[in-house]
Protein backbone atom coordinates (compact mmCIF):
# COMPACT_ATOMS: atom_id res chain seq x y z
CA MET A 1 125.18 -39.17 89.00
CA SER A 2 124.13 -41.07 92.02
CA ALA A 3 120.43 -40.29 91.44
CA VAL A 4 120.70 -41.34 87.83
CA GLU A 5 122.36 -44.57 88.78
CA THR A 6 119.89 -45.49 91.53
CA GLN A 7 116.80 -44.98 89.39
CA PRO A 8 117.33 -47.98 87.08
CA ASN A 9 118.25 -50.10 90.09
CA SER A 10 114.94 -49.23 91.75
CA ARG A 11 113.01 -50.16 88.56
CA VAL A 12 114.82 -53.52 88.43
CA VAL A 13 113.98 -54.17 92.06
CA ALA A 14 110.30 -53.33 91.53
CA LYS A 15 110.10 -55.56 88.47
CA ARG A 16 111.74 -58.40 90.43
CA GLN A 17 109.25 -57.96 93.28
CA ARG A 18 106.28 -58.09 90.86
CA LYS A 19 107.62 -61.30 89.34
CA GLU A 20 107.96 -62.87 92.80
CA ARG A 21 104.35 -61.98 93.63
CA GLN A 22 103.06 -63.84 90.53
CA PRO A 23 101.64 -67.28 91.33
CA THR A 24 103.83 -70.20 90.27
CA SER A 25 102.61 -73.34 88.54
CA LEU A 26 101.68 -76.24 90.83
CA SER A 27 103.51 -78.66 88.59
CA SER A 28 106.75 -76.74 89.17
CA HIS A 29 106.69 -77.92 92.79
CA GLY A 30 106.17 -81.54 91.78
CA GLU A 31 103.12 -81.94 94.04
CA PRO A 32 100.80 -83.36 91.33
CA PHE A 33 103.24 -86.16 90.74
CA VAL A 34 103.42 -86.88 94.46
CA TRP A 35 99.62 -87.16 94.60
CA LEU A 36 99.64 -89.29 91.43
CA ALA A 37 102.21 -91.71 92.85
CA GLY A 38 100.34 -91.89 96.15
CA GLY A 39 97.05 -92.51 94.37
CA ALA A 40 98.57 -95.23 92.22
CA MET A 41 99.99 -96.95 95.30
CA ALA A 42 96.61 -96.69 97.03
CA ILE A 43 94.87 -98.27 94.07
CA CYS A 44 97.39 -101.11 93.94
CA LEU A 45 97.06 -101.73 97.66
CA ALA A 46 93.27 -101.71 97.37
CA MET A 47 93.32 -104.29 94.58
CA ILE A 48 95.70 -106.55 96.49
CA VAL A 49 93.77 -106.27 99.72
CA GLY A 50 90.48 -106.82 97.89
CA LEU A 51 91.82 -109.96 96.22
CA LEU A 52 93.19 -111.35 99.48
CA ALA A 53 89.93 -110.51 101.26
CA LEU A 54 87.92 -112.32 98.62
CA VAL A 55 90.17 -115.40 98.76
CA LEU A 56 90.12 -115.35 102.58
CA TRP A 57 86.35 -114.96 102.79
CA GLN A 58 85.56 -117.62 100.19
CA GLY A 59 88.34 -120.02 101.13
CA GLY A 60 88.02 -119.60 104.90
CA GLY A 61 84.26 -120.26 104.86
CA THR A 62 84.34 -123.39 102.64
CA PHE A 63 84.34 -125.82 105.54
CA TRP A 64 81.93 -124.04 107.86
CA PRO A 65 78.94 -126.37 108.41
CA GLY A 66 75.63 -124.88 107.19
CA ARG A 67 72.01 -125.69 107.82
CA VAL A 68 70.33 -128.51 105.85
CA VAL A 69 66.93 -127.59 104.44
CA VAL A 70 64.21 -129.84 103.00
CA LEU A 71 62.23 -128.20 100.20
CA GLU A 72 58.91 -129.51 98.92
CA LEU A 73 58.27 -128.17 95.40
CA LEU A 74 55.10 -127.56 93.42
CA ASP A 75 55.75 -130.60 91.23
CA GLY A 76 55.66 -132.83 94.28
CA THR A 77 59.40 -133.56 94.56
CA ARG A 78 61.25 -133.16 97.83
CA LEU A 79 64.91 -132.38 97.95
CA SER A 80 67.37 -131.71 100.73
CA GLY A 81 70.72 -130.02 100.91
CA GLU A 82 72.76 -127.01 101.89
CA VAL A 83 72.18 -123.59 100.33
CA ASN A 84 75.38 -122.35 98.74
CA VAL A 85 74.30 -119.24 96.84
CA GLU A 86 71.31 -116.85 97.02
CA GLU A 87 70.51 -114.22 94.41
CA ASP A 88 67.66 -112.13 93.02
CA TYR A 89 66.81 -112.50 89.37
CA ALA A 90 64.07 -111.85 86.82
CA PRO A 91 62.74 -115.25 85.75
CA ALA A 92 62.18 -115.90 82.02
CA GLU A 93 59.14 -117.71 80.76
CA GLN A 94 61.08 -120.97 80.58
CA ALA A 95 61.49 -120.89 84.38
CA PHE A 96 57.73 -121.59 84.80
CA ALA A 97 57.71 -124.48 82.38
CA LYS A 98 58.54 -127.15 85.01
CA ILE A 99 55.71 -126.01 87.31
CA PRO A 100 52.44 -127.91 87.03
CA ALA A 101 49.91 -126.08 84.81
CA GLU A 102 47.42 -125.50 87.60
CA SER A 103 50.02 -123.60 89.66
CA ARG A 104 51.74 -121.76 86.86
CA GLU A 105 49.51 -118.71 86.77
CA ALA A 106 49.71 -118.23 90.54
CA ALA A 107 53.52 -118.36 90.34
CA ARG A 108 53.53 -115.69 87.63
CA ARG A 109 51.30 -113.44 89.70
CA SER A 110 53.51 -113.80 92.77
CA VAL A 111 56.57 -112.80 90.75
CA ALA A 112 54.70 -109.88 89.15
CA GLU A 113 53.55 -108.60 92.56
CA ALA A 114 57.18 -108.67 93.73
CA GLY A 115 58.20 -106.34 90.93
CA GLY A 116 59.15 -109.00 88.35
CA GLU A 117 61.99 -110.39 90.43
CA THR A 118 62.29 -113.29 92.84
CA ARG A 119 64.91 -115.07 94.86
CA ARG A 120 66.56 -118.30 93.76
CA ARG A 121 68.97 -120.53 95.72
CA MET A 122 71.58 -122.95 94.58
CA VAL A 123 71.16 -126.01 96.75
CA ARG A 124 73.84 -128.66 97.07
CA VAL A 125 71.54 -131.70 96.88
CA GLY A 126 74.23 -134.42 96.89
CA ASN A 127 72.84 -137.97 96.86
CA TYR A 128 74.27 -138.34 93.34
CA GLU A 129 73.22 -141.98 92.94
CA HIS A 130 69.58 -140.92 93.33
CA THR A 131 69.47 -137.42 91.90
CA GLY A 132 72.11 -137.58 89.16
CA GLN A 133 73.27 -134.08 90.03
CA HIS A 134 75.24 -132.33 92.72
CA TYR A 135 73.53 -128.90 92.65
CA GLN A 136 70.10 -127.59 91.77
CA TRP A 137 68.75 -124.06 91.39
CA VAL A 138 65.38 -123.56 93.20
CA SER A 139 63.30 -120.40 92.86
CA ASP A 140 61.02 -119.23 95.69
CA PHE A 141 57.89 -119.52 93.58
CA GLU A 142 58.54 -123.28 93.20
CA VAL A 143 58.70 -123.94 96.94
CA VAL A 144 55.52 -125.09 98.73
CA ARG A 145 57.06 -125.89 102.11
CA GLU A 146 60.53 -125.52 103.70
CA SER A 147 61.75 -127.27 106.83
CA GLY A 148 64.88 -128.22 108.67
CA PRO A 149 64.50 -131.71 110.22
CA ALA A 150 66.56 -132.17 113.35
CA TRP A 151 68.00 -135.51 112.32
CA MET A 152 69.00 -134.64 108.75
CA LEU A 153 72.65 -135.72 108.52
CA VAL A 154 75.46 -134.43 106.32
CA VAL A 155 77.48 -137.50 105.35
CA GLU A 156 80.85 -137.22 103.60
CA ARG A 157 81.77 -140.60 102.20
CA LEU A 158 84.23 -142.44 100.03
CA ALA A 159 83.33 -143.40 96.50
CA ARG A 160 82.03 -146.94 96.05
CA GLY A 161 80.34 -147.84 92.81
CA THR A 162 77.69 -145.23 91.95
CA ALA A 163 77.66 -143.92 95.52
CA ALA A 164 79.95 -140.92 95.59
CA GLY A 165 80.27 -137.54 97.21
CA ARG A 166 78.14 -135.92 99.87
CA PHE A 167 74.90 -137.44 101.13
CA TYR A 168 71.91 -135.87 102.94
CA GLY A 169 69.51 -138.11 104.79
CA GLU A 170 68.07 -139.21 108.09
CA PRO A 171 69.44 -142.34 109.88
CA ARG A 172 66.86 -145.13 109.96
CA ALA A 173 68.75 -148.19 111.22
CA PHE A 174 72.13 -149.53 112.22
CA GLU A 175 72.71 -153.07 110.94
CA LEU A 176 75.26 -155.73 111.85
CA ASP A 177 75.49 -158.63 109.42
CA GLY A 178 72.21 -157.43 107.86
CA VAL A 179 70.34 -157.56 111.21
CA PRO A 180 69.09 -154.22 112.63
CA GLN A 181 70.78 -153.46 115.96
CA ALA A 182 69.18 -150.05 116.37
CA GLU A 183 66.23 -148.39 114.72
CA GLY A 184 65.03 -144.79 114.56
CA PRO A 185 67.08 -141.65 114.04
CA GLU A 186 68.45 -141.15 117.56
CA ALA A 187 69.22 -144.81 118.33
CA SER A 188 70.84 -145.34 114.93
CA TRP A 189 73.00 -142.22 115.39
CA ARG A 190 74.16 -143.30 118.85
CA ALA A 191 75.10 -146.74 117.49
CA PHE A 192 76.93 -145.09 114.59
CA GLU A 193 78.90 -142.87 116.97
CA ALA A 194 79.90 -145.86 119.08
CA GLU A 195 81.19 -147.88 116.08
CA HIS A 196 82.45 -145.31 113.58
CA ALA A 197 85.91 -144.70 115.11
CA ARG A 198 86.63 -148.44 115.14
CA ALA A 199 85.44 -148.83 111.55
CA ARG A 200 87.66 -145.98 110.37
CA SER A 201 90.64 -147.40 112.21
CA GLU A 202 90.13 -150.78 110.52
CA HIS A 203 89.73 -149.03 107.18
CA ALA A 204 93.01 -147.19 107.70
CA ARG A 205 94.69 -150.57 108.43
CA LEU A 206 93.20 -151.97 105.21
CA GLU A 207 94.46 -149.03 103.18
CA HIS A 208 97.93 -149.51 104.75
CA LEU A 209 97.95 -153.19 103.75
CA GLN A 210 96.76 -152.53 100.21
CA SER A 211 98.86 -149.50 99.39
CA GLU A 212 101.91 -149.73 101.63
CA GLU A 213 102.65 -153.40 102.31
CA LEU A 214 101.40 -154.90 99.06
CA GLY A 215 103.02 -152.02 97.17
CA ALA A 216 106.31 -152.61 98.91
CA ILE A 217 106.23 -156.33 98.08
CA ASN A 218 105.46 -155.58 94.43
CA SER A 219 108.37 -153.15 94.39
CA GLN A 220 110.72 -155.81 95.75
CA LEU A 221 109.49 -158.31 93.18
CA GLU A 222 110.12 -155.82 90.40
CA ALA A 223 113.59 -155.08 91.82
CA LEU A 224 114.41 -158.79 91.72
CA ARG A 225 113.26 -159.05 88.09
CA LEU A 226 115.37 -156.00 87.13
CA ALA A 227 118.42 -157.36 88.95
CA VAL A 228 118.26 -160.64 87.05
CA ARG A 229 117.74 -158.72 83.75
CA SER A 230 120.73 -156.56 84.49
CA VAL A 231 122.98 -159.55 84.99
CA GLU A 232 121.57 -161.09 81.79
CA MET A 233 122.31 -157.91 79.80
CA ARG A 234 125.89 -157.71 81.11
CA GLN A 235 126.90 -161.38 81.25
CA GLY A 236 124.58 -162.85 78.60
CA ALA A 237 121.60 -165.22 78.87
CA GLY A 238 122.47 -168.65 80.21
CA SER A 239 125.83 -167.56 81.64
CA PRO A 240 126.87 -168.94 85.06
CA ALA A 241 126.33 -165.50 86.62
CA HIS A 242 122.91 -165.26 85.06
CA LEU A 243 121.84 -168.72 86.27
CA ALA A 244 123.14 -167.98 89.79
CA ALA A 245 121.23 -164.71 89.88
CA LYS A 246 118.05 -166.44 88.72
CA GLU A 247 118.40 -169.11 91.39
CA GLU A 248 119.03 -166.60 94.12
CA ALA A 249 116.11 -164.43 92.93
CA ALA A 250 113.79 -167.49 92.80
CA ASP A 251 114.26 -168.13 96.54
CA GLU A 252 113.52 -164.53 97.44
CA ASP A 253 110.60 -164.49 95.01
CA ARG A 254 108.94 -167.45 96.69
CA ALA A 255 109.36 -165.82 100.15
CA LEU A 256 107.91 -162.56 98.90
CA ARG A 257 104.94 -164.29 97.23
CA ARG A 258 104.16 -166.10 100.48
CA ARG A 259 104.21 -162.78 102.31
CA PHE A 260 102.03 -161.33 99.56
CA ALA A 261 99.44 -164.10 100.08
CA GLU A 262 99.45 -163.52 103.84
CA VAL A 263 98.83 -159.83 103.47
CA GLU A 264 96.07 -160.46 100.92
CA ARG A 265 94.34 -162.86 103.35
CA GLU A 266 94.52 -160.26 106.13
CA ALA A 267 93.16 -157.60 103.81
CA SER A 268 90.28 -159.82 102.71
CA ALA A 269 89.42 -160.61 106.37
CA LEU A 270 89.38 -156.88 107.13
CA SER A 271 87.20 -156.16 104.14
CA ARG A 272 84.64 -158.76 105.29
CA GLU A 273 84.72 -157.30 108.79
CA LEU A 274 84.13 -153.80 107.50
CA ALA A 275 81.15 -154.93 105.40
CA ARG A 276 79.34 -156.19 108.54
CA ARG A 277 78.48 -152.71 109.91
CA VAL A 278 76.04 -150.67 107.83
CA LEU A 279 74.12 -147.44 108.43
CA VAL A 280 70.78 -147.18 106.65
CA LEU A 281 69.93 -143.63 105.56
CA GLU A 282 66.67 -142.29 104.09
CA THR A 283 66.62 -139.32 101.70
CA ALA A 284 64.00 -136.52 101.80
CA ASP A 285 62.00 -138.26 99.07
CA GLY A 286 61.93 -141.60 100.92
CA LYS A 287 64.68 -143.52 99.16
CA LEU A 288 66.93 -145.78 101.30
CA THR A 289 70.72 -146.04 101.03
CA ARG A 290 72.89 -148.55 102.82
CA THR A 291 76.41 -147.26 103.55
CA GLN A 292 79.27 -149.08 105.27
CA LEU A 293 80.54 -147.24 108.29
CA SER A 294 84.10 -147.48 106.98
CA ASP A 295 83.06 -145.47 103.91
CA ILE A 296 81.80 -142.55 106.01
CA VAL A 297 84.60 -140.05 106.50
CA LEU A 298 82.54 -137.56 108.51
CA ALA A 299 78.91 -137.29 109.53
CA TYR A 300 77.03 -134.80 111.70
CA PRO A 301 73.45 -133.68 112.39
CA ALA A 302 73.77 -130.21 110.81
CA ASN A 303 70.57 -128.77 112.27
CA GLN A 304 71.50 -129.71 115.87
CA LEU A 305 74.98 -128.16 115.99
CA GLY A 306 75.71 -125.28 118.34
CA PHE A 307 78.52 -122.82 117.75
CA VAL A 308 81.14 -124.95 119.56
CA ASP A 309 79.98 -128.07 117.65
CA LYS A 310 80.35 -126.19 114.39
CA LEU A 311 83.85 -125.14 115.38
CA VAL A 312 84.73 -128.85 115.99
CA VAL A 313 83.35 -129.86 112.60
CA TYR A 314 85.17 -126.93 110.97
CA ALA A 315 88.48 -128.01 112.57
CA GLU A 316 87.95 -131.63 111.52
CA ARG A 317 87.35 -130.57 107.93
CA TRP A 318 90.47 -128.40 107.88
CA SER A 319 92.48 -131.30 109.35
CA GLU A 320 91.19 -133.61 106.63
CA PHE A 321 91.97 -130.99 103.98
CA LEU A 322 95.56 -130.46 105.13
CA PHE A 323 96.61 -134.02 105.93
CA ASP A 324 94.53 -136.46 103.87
CA GLN A 325 94.72 -137.73 100.32
CA PRO A 326 92.44 -136.20 97.64
CA ARG A 327 89.35 -138.06 96.43
CA GLU A 328 86.36 -137.50 94.18
CA ALA A 329 88.46 -136.19 91.25
CA ASN A 330 90.30 -133.93 93.72
CA SER A 331 87.07 -132.06 94.66
CA GLU A 332 86.92 -133.79 98.08
CA GLY A 333 89.40 -134.90 100.66
CA GLY A 334 92.77 -133.37 101.34
CA VAL A 335 95.75 -131.85 99.54
CA TRP A 336 98.65 -133.16 101.63
CA PRO A 337 100.50 -134.64 98.59
CA ALA A 338 100.17 -131.28 96.83
CA ILE A 339 101.49 -129.37 99.85
CA PHE A 340 104.39 -131.80 100.18
CA GLY A 341 105.22 -131.67 96.47
CA THR A 342 105.10 -127.87 96.44
CA VAL A 343 107.48 -127.54 99.40
CA VAL A 344 109.97 -130.17 98.15
CA MET A 345 110.04 -128.67 94.64
CA THR A 346 110.52 -125.13 96.00
CA LEU A 347 113.37 -126.19 98.27
CA LEU A 348 115.12 -128.09 95.49
CA MET A 349 114.66 -125.11 93.21
CA SER A 350 116.26 -122.82 95.79
CA LEU A 351 119.19 -125.17 96.29
CA ALA A 352 119.73 -125.17 92.54
CA VAL A 353 119.26 -121.51 91.67
CA VAL A 354 121.04 -119.71 94.48
CA PRO A 355 124.59 -121.13 94.04
CA PHE A 356 124.55 -120.71 90.26
CA GLY A 357 122.97 -117.24 90.46
CA VAL A 358 125.44 -116.02 93.06
CA LEU A 359 128.47 -117.41 91.20
CA ALA A 360 127.30 -115.84 87.93
CA ALA A 361 126.77 -112.46 89.64
CA LEU A 362 130.16 -112.68 91.34
CA TYR A 363 131.91 -113.30 88.01
CA LEU A 364 130.09 -110.48 86.24
CA ARG A 365 130.61 -107.93 89.04
CA GLU A 366 134.00 -108.88 90.53
CA TYR A 367 136.03 -110.67 87.83
CA ALA A 368 134.78 -109.90 84.35
CA LYS A 369 136.23 -106.81 82.65
CA PRO A 370 133.62 -104.35 81.40
CA GLY A 371 133.15 -104.68 77.64
CA PRO A 372 130.73 -105.64 74.89
CA LEU A 373 130.67 -109.31 75.97
CA VAL A 374 129.73 -108.56 79.55
CA SER A 375 127.13 -106.04 78.44
CA THR A 376 125.63 -108.61 76.06
CA VAL A 377 125.45 -111.13 78.91
CA ARG A 378 123.69 -108.65 81.20
CA ILE A 379 121.23 -107.75 78.47
CA ALA A 380 120.54 -111.46 77.86
CA VAL A 381 119.93 -112.05 81.56
CA ASN A 382 117.53 -109.14 81.72
CA ASN A 383 115.69 -110.32 78.62
CA LEU A 384 115.58 -113.84 80.01
CA ALA A 385 113.40 -112.55 82.83
CA GLY A 386 110.73 -111.57 80.29
CA VAL A 387 110.53 -114.94 78.52
CA PRO A 388 107.12 -116.63 78.98
CA SER A 389 107.25 -119.41 81.54
CA ILE A 390 105.77 -121.99 79.19
CA VAL A 391 108.91 -121.62 77.02
CA PHE A 392 110.94 -122.73 80.01
CA GLY A 393 108.63 -125.72 80.34
CA VAL A 394 109.22 -126.74 76.70
CA PHE A 395 112.97 -126.31 77.19
CA GLY A 396 112.86 -128.37 80.40
CA LEU A 397 110.90 -131.16 78.69
CA GLY A 398 113.27 -131.29 75.72
CA PHE A 399 116.63 -130.80 77.46
CA PHE A 400 116.24 -132.18 80.97
CA CYS A 401 113.74 -134.97 80.29
CA TYR A 402 114.50 -136.13 76.76
CA ILE A 403 118.28 -135.50 76.71
CA CYS A 404 119.67 -135.54 80.21
CA GLY A 405 117.11 -137.99 81.57
CA ALA A 406 117.32 -140.33 78.61
CA SER A 407 121.16 -140.32 78.91
CA ILE A 408 120.92 -141.21 82.64
CA ASP A 409 118.53 -144.09 81.82
CA GLN A 410 120.91 -145.44 79.19
CA LEU A 411 123.83 -145.23 81.56
CA LEU A 412 122.34 -146.36 84.89
CA TYR A 413 118.93 -147.88 84.30
CA GLU A 414 119.31 -149.76 81.07
CA GLU A 415 117.55 -152.80 82.46
CA ARG A 416 114.35 -150.77 83.04
CA LEU A 417 114.07 -149.59 79.43
CA PRO A 418 111.90 -148.95 77.47
CA ASN A 419 110.12 -147.69 80.67
CA PRO A 420 111.85 -144.42 81.50
CA THR A 421 113.12 -143.61 84.96
CA PHE A 422 114.62 -140.16 84.60
CA GLY A 423 113.58 -139.72 80.96
CA LYS A 424 110.19 -138.29 81.94
CA GLY A 425 108.78 -135.51 84.08
CA GLY A 426 109.79 -135.53 87.75
CA VAL A 427 110.36 -133.28 90.74
CA LEU A 428 114.11 -132.96 89.91
CA TRP A 429 113.56 -131.71 86.39
CA ALA A 430 110.72 -129.45 87.52
CA SER A 431 113.03 -127.88 90.12
CA PHE A 432 115.78 -127.34 87.53
CA THR A 433 113.30 -125.81 85.09
CA LEU A 434 112.04 -123.35 87.67
CA ALA A 435 115.59 -122.65 88.72
CA LEU A 436 116.29 -121.48 85.17
CA LEU A 437 113.10 -119.43 85.25
CA THR A 438 114.13 -117.62 88.46
CA LEU A 439 117.86 -117.41 87.73
CA PRO A 440 117.70 -113.82 86.36
CA VAL A 441 116.02 -112.64 89.58
CA VAL A 442 118.88 -114.03 91.71
CA ILE A 443 121.60 -112.70 89.39
CA VAL A 444 120.24 -109.18 89.28
CA ALA A 445 119.54 -108.99 93.02
CA THR A 446 123.02 -110.38 93.85
CA GLU A 447 124.72 -107.94 91.45
CA GLU A 448 122.92 -105.01 93.06
CA ALA A 449 123.92 -106.26 96.55
CA LEU A 450 127.57 -106.64 95.47
CA ALA A 451 127.61 -103.15 93.92
CA ALA A 452 126.26 -101.71 97.11
CA VAL A 453 129.40 -102.79 99.05
CA PRO A 454 131.62 -99.66 99.30
CA GLY A 455 134.79 -99.85 97.21
CA SER A 456 136.78 -98.48 100.13
CA MET A 457 136.23 -101.74 102.00
CA ARG A 458 137.77 -103.70 99.11
CA GLU A 459 140.69 -101.31 98.95
CA GLY A 460 141.28 -101.58 102.69
CA SER A 461 141.25 -105.37 102.44
CA TYR A 462 143.80 -105.28 99.57
CA ALA A 463 145.95 -102.83 101.56
CA CYS A 464 146.11 -105.37 104.38
CA GLY A 465 147.46 -108.01 101.99
CA ALA A 466 144.28 -110.01 101.31
CA THR A 467 143.83 -111.67 97.97
CA LYS A 468 140.82 -110.99 95.77
CA TRP A 469 139.02 -114.21 96.84
CA GLN A 470 139.74 -113.52 100.50
CA THR A 471 138.31 -110.06 100.07
CA ILE A 472 135.16 -111.44 98.37
CA GLN A 473 134.80 -114.23 100.95
CA ARG A 474 135.37 -112.16 104.12
CA ILE A 475 134.36 -108.63 103.20
CA VAL A 476 132.06 -108.50 100.15
CA LEU A 477 129.88 -111.56 100.54
CA PRO A 478 128.99 -110.93 104.25
CA ARG A 479 127.95 -107.41 103.41
CA ALA A 480 125.99 -108.54 100.35
CA MET A 481 124.35 -111.53 102.03
CA PRO A 482 121.04 -109.74 102.91
CA GLY A 483 120.67 -108.68 99.25
CA ILE A 484 121.41 -112.23 98.10
CA MET A 485 118.74 -113.55 100.46
CA THR A 486 116.34 -110.97 99.05
CA GLY A 487 116.95 -112.42 95.59
CA MET A 488 116.25 -115.91 96.92
CA ILE A 489 113.04 -114.71 98.53
CA LEU A 490 111.89 -113.21 95.23
CA ALA A 491 112.82 -116.46 93.45
CA ILE A 492 110.81 -118.51 95.98
CA ALA A 493 107.79 -116.20 95.63
CA ARG A 494 107.78 -116.57 91.84
CA GLY A 495 108.79 -120.20 91.55
CA ALA A 496 106.32 -121.55 94.13
CA GLY A 497 103.36 -120.17 92.21
CA GLU A 498 104.32 -121.14 88.63
CA VAL A 499 102.08 -123.70 86.92
CA ALA A 500 102.61 -123.65 83.17
CA PRO A 501 106.16 -125.21 83.11
CA LEU A 502 105.15 -127.81 85.67
CA MET A 503 102.43 -129.16 83.39
CA LEU A 504 105.19 -130.35 81.06
CA VAL A 505 107.92 -131.48 83.44
CA GLY A 506 106.36 -133.48 86.24
CA ALA A 507 103.19 -132.12 87.93
CA VAL A 508 100.25 -134.54 87.70
CA LYS A 509 96.66 -134.72 88.84
CA VAL A 510 97.27 -137.57 91.28
CA ALA A 511 100.66 -138.88 92.39
CA PRO A 512 100.38 -142.34 93.98
CA GLU A 513 103.90 -142.15 95.43
CA MET A 514 105.61 -139.16 96.99
CA SER A 515 109.15 -138.15 96.19
CA ILE A 516 110.33 -138.78 99.81
CA ASP A 517 109.28 -141.94 101.66
CA GLY A 518 110.63 -144.66 103.90
CA THR A 519 112.07 -146.87 101.14
CA PHE A 520 115.72 -146.72 100.09
CA PRO A 521 117.13 -144.36 98.82
CA TYR A 522 114.41 -142.31 100.58
CA LEU A 523 114.62 -139.42 98.09
CA HIS A 524 113.18 -140.23 94.66
CA PRO A 525 113.72 -137.16 92.46
CA GLU A 526 112.54 -139.01 89.33
CA ARG A 527 108.94 -139.34 90.55
CA SER A 528 106.07 -137.15 89.44
CA PHE A 529 104.49 -134.97 92.10
CA MET A 530 101.40 -132.94 92.91
CA HIS A 531 101.57 -129.16 93.13
CA LEU A 532 99.07 -126.71 94.69
CA GLY A 533 99.14 -124.40 91.64
CA PHE A 534 98.43 -127.28 89.27
CA HIS A 535 95.82 -128.58 91.73
CA ILE A 536 94.02 -125.20 91.45
CA TYR A 537 94.10 -125.39 87.64
CA ASP A 538 92.82 -128.95 87.69
CA LEU A 539 89.92 -128.13 90.07
CA GLY A 540 88.95 -124.95 88.20
CA PHE A 541 89.11 -126.23 84.61
CA GLN A 542 89.22 -130.03 84.59
CA SER A 543 86.76 -131.00 87.33
CA PRO A 544 83.59 -132.81 86.20
CA ASN A 545 81.66 -130.92 88.87
CA SER A 546 82.64 -127.31 88.59
CA GLU A 547 80.25 -125.98 91.22
CA ALA A 548 81.49 -128.46 93.83
CA ALA A 549 85.08 -127.63 92.93
CA LYS A 550 84.63 -123.81 93.16
CA PRO A 551 84.87 -123.60 97.00
CA MET A 552 87.90 -125.91 96.88
CA VAL A 553 89.58 -123.59 94.34
CA TYR A 554 89.35 -120.69 96.76
CA THR A 555 90.47 -122.80 99.67
CA THR A 556 93.47 -124.24 97.79
CA THR A 557 94.38 -120.70 96.60
CA LEU A 558 94.26 -119.49 100.19
CA LEU A 559 96.49 -122.38 101.22
CA LEU A 560 99.02 -121.68 98.41
CA ILE A 561 99.20 -118.02 99.42
CA LEU A 562 99.79 -118.97 103.04
CA LEU A 563 102.42 -121.51 102.08
CA ILE A 564 104.31 -118.97 99.99
CA VAL A 565 104.10 -116.47 102.87
CA LEU A 566 105.47 -119.04 105.28
CA LEU A 567 108.40 -119.86 102.94
CA ASN A 568 109.14 -116.17 102.52
CA VAL A 569 108.90 -115.51 106.29
CA ALA A 570 111.37 -118.34 106.90
CA ALA A 571 113.76 -116.88 104.32
CA ILE A 572 113.39 -113.36 105.76
CA TRP A 573 114.13 -114.74 109.22
CA VAL A 574 117.33 -116.35 107.93
CA ARG A 575 118.25 -113.12 106.14
CA ASN A 576 117.80 -111.04 109.30
CA ARG A 577 119.96 -113.44 111.34
CA LEU A 578 122.66 -113.34 108.65
CA ARG A 579 122.47 -109.55 108.57
CA ARG A 580 122.93 -109.26 112.32
CA ARG A 581 125.71 -111.87 112.37
CA TYR A 582 127.80 -110.60 109.45
CA THR A 583 127.20 -106.93 110.18
CA ALA A 584 128.41 -107.45 113.76
CA SER A 585 131.44 -109.45 112.63
CA VAL A 586 132.45 -106.88 110.02
CA VAL A 587 132.00 -103.95 112.37
């Protein structure tokens, strides 16, 4: 019996061993999915790194000073400028049409000998008042002679009449009251260097008088008018209070107008003084241009700069970009108002979204009883995260601007109507709109952080006699604080880069006044503002000179990325400090 019983067992064992020796499917181990996930992550990282590298390369090199070339073409014209782009291309027959007939056949042969392709360069020619264009493509077969004169200057200047943008030319004379004080390139350059800092200082003083002091006086005059109108609307025209207000305002009005006249006289004297000093420049084709020293923002002999000199110019250009006002339809100058507006709007958005998001998450997680209503609210919050941002902009315009803002104007600023104060786009309504946009992010992140707090800690708190709010305040919130800060970081990252809603609720191309200044009440949430994201859109799609704006698009994009990174780093630093503090206190 034992032999009969063991024989089937041995066959079972042999069969089992053969099955174990059979190769198993690779998918059963899950390894293909591991490789698939790793490959997908590698592709995503490569795309992100590639995008950042492109933005860094293009944006970081925008302000690096290049060499100025002078090109003499077959048709006899001479042009000067900086080479922005080089590329090889196969010229069509139309490319030879602008070449003189006697040179056309030789140009065709030179291209044919090179295999049918040639190089062309996009030259930033500047000198718009003479050339009528900012850039020009030049093919190698058009060029007769190329040179780089030592005294060819790159001049960045303010717009005045038809003179605008960058200028390339050699200094010929420095004039004072129309009389040459220095002649020749070197002598004129030395005289320019000696006087330019003073001229720019006087120009800054003139701008302060015209924009700050005269603007402040005009604001005070308008405030007087509105104060009298307010009394008239409340007490009636011709009432004793109205007459007294008019008489009091008349005295202040006369004093302000005297001050206005004094400032205007000082500004006129400064303007006449600035017009005395002129630098005469000659273009590559022999045309002369007279430019006031105060209109020259920056000038340098590009072909004489060493590496250290280029670094100095590079730093000056970055300083101008970061801290100056924009000019030339935002394609030149700085973006300080856009940086300031972006930071202020993001901070106001954070102050608005975090309290409401945390309170909503606390109610849903800690107080509300599970049921159909709570499930519906959670579904609505999750769906709200997928709504297009422009829809939030339309809602912000209709609700915040036209309903809330108009009501505030009727209640507090009736004397200013029909000119709206809060009933239009402003940094406050833009912040509230983006707070609504990012609210689902904060709610979901806070709920997850609250759910991660162990229930045993709540039960221990209740066992010690703590109330529900004391448990939330002293046990749950400290433990969940890092997760709440993570939600705020995600909200900042999304809100700071949004553009579409801002186009409807306050972002503008140029904001003459910032939302925070030195005049009472110091914070002006009703004012429109500039934003780096909207600035990028304006440069890329609304600029009259797209080629000149392209480098600035990359540079502003780089700046926006760096600004968002800085805001996130600051929030992460705060989160880590809170984590260490509350974790230590709870332990």
